[in-house]
Protein backbone atom coordinates (compact mmCIF):
# COMPACT_ATOMS: atom_id res chain seq x y z
CA GLU A 1 -1.70 -5.71 -8.05
CA VAL A 2 1.08 -6.03 -10.63
CA LYS A 3 0.33 -2.61 -12.12
CA GLU A 4 0.25 -1.13 -8.61
CA GLU A 5 3.71 -2.53 -7.82
CA LEU A 6 5.40 -2.16 -11.23
CA GLY A 7 3.58 0.71 -12.92
CA PRO A 8 0.52 1.20 -15.12
CA LYS A 9 2.35 0.77 -18.44
CA VAL A 10 3.62 -2.76 -17.81
CA HIS A 11 2.07 -5.49 -19.96
CA TYR A 12 2.46 -9.13 -18.98
CA ALA A 13 1.02 -12.62 -19.39
CA LEU A 14 0.10 -14.19 -16.06
CA GLY A 15 0.77 -17.90 -15.64
CA LYS A 16 0.05 -20.48 -12.98
CA PRO A 17 0.55 -20.01 -9.22
CA VAL A 18 3.92 -21.42 -8.17
CA MET A 19 4.37 -20.78 -4.46
CA PHE A 20 2.81 -19.40 -1.33
CA TYR A 21 4.36 -18.17 1.90
CA ARG A 22 3.57 -16.22 5.04
CA GLY A 23 5.64 -13.52 6.61
CA TYR A 24 5.80 -10.90 9.32
CA PHE A 25 7.31 -7.48 8.68
CA LYS A 26 8.61 -6.11 11.96
CA SER A 27 9.10 -2.62 10.57
CA ARG A 28 5.43 -2.32 9.57
CA LYS A 29 4.07 -4.69 12.28
CA ILE A 30 1.98 -6.65 9.79
CA TYR A 31 1.55 -10.24 8.68
CA ILE A 32 1.31 -11.10 5.00
CA PHE A 33 0.31 -14.07 2.91
CA ALA A 34 1.93 -13.96 -0.53
CA ALA A 35 0.88 -15.89 -3.61
CA MET A 36 3.44 -15.87 -6.40
CA TYR A 37 2.67 -16.58 -10.04
CA GLU A 38 4.74 -17.25 -13.09
CA ALA A 39 4.52 -14.35 -15.50
CA VAL A 40 6.09 -13.14 -18.71
CA TRP A 41 6.93 -9.47 -19.20
CA LEU A 42 5.66 -8.42 -22.61
CA SER A 43 6.34 -4.70 -22.76
CA GLY A 44 6.27 -1.39 -20.93
CA ASP A 45 8.55 0.53 -18.61
CA ILE A 46 8.78 -0.74 -15.06
CA LYS A 47 8.23 2.02 -12.50
CA LEU A 48 8.44 0.62 -8.98
CA SER A 49 6.00 1.73 -6.29
CA PHE A 50 7.27 3.41 -3.12
CA GLU A 51 7.18 -0.01 -1.44
CA HIS A 52 10.16 -1.25 -3.45
CA THR A 53 13.72 -0.06 -3.87
CA ARG A 54 14.93 -2.27 -6.72
CA TYR A 55 14.26 -5.22 -8.97
CA GLU A 56 16.51 -7.52 -10.96
CA TRP A 57 16.19 -10.04 -13.76
CA ILE A 58 17.72 -13.35 -12.75
CA ASN A 59 18.58 -16.64 -14.39
CA PRO A 60 16.80 -19.33 -12.33
CA LYS A 61 19.34 -21.93 -13.43
CA THR A 62 22.35 -20.09 -12.05
CA ARG A 63 20.97 -17.90 -9.23
CA HIS A 64 22.08 -18.94 -5.74
CA PHE A 65 19.84 -17.83 -2.88
CA ARG A 66 21.06 -16.98 0.61
CA LYS A 67 18.88 -17.11 3.72
CA LYS A 68 19.96 -13.63 4.75
CA ASP A 69 18.36 -12.23 1.57
CA PHE A 70 14.86 -13.18 2.80
CA SER A 71 12.67 -11.95 5.60
CA ASN A 72 11.99 -15.43 7.01
CA ASP A 73 12.73 -19.14 6.56
CA GLU A 74 9.34 -19.94 5.02
CA GLN A 75 9.91 -17.40 2.24
CA TYR A 76 13.46 -18.62 1.64
CA ASN A 77 12.44 -22.29 1.50
CA ALA A 78 9.48 -21.66 -0.82
CA ILE A 79 11.54 -19.69 -3.30
CA LYS A 80 14.47 -22.08 -3.15
CA LYS A 81 12.17 -25.07 -3.76
CA TYR A 82 10.48 -23.40 -6.73
CA PHE A 83 13.72 -22.34 -8.43
CA LYS A 84 15.25 -25.77 -7.83
CA SER A 85 12.33 -27.27 -9.78
CA LEU A 86 13.32 -25.17 -12.81
CA LYS A 87 16.82 -26.61 -13.12
């Protein structure tokens, strides 16, 4: 899945699962269940799939999340809780 989303030349070390959330995408009329894992980028050029428009590297200790940046409250709360645990 990672290579599908980020490109075939990306190398990474996959860690433990850190959060789960559900969501509904109105534009595609589908429900999703997402499992997120810790991972470390090792090497390779990131080439996003057509499903994504951008990515960014963030500092979990200084990043402030806003509800409007997420598709639903469950996603926002899961991510906020996980990043708060890193501080």
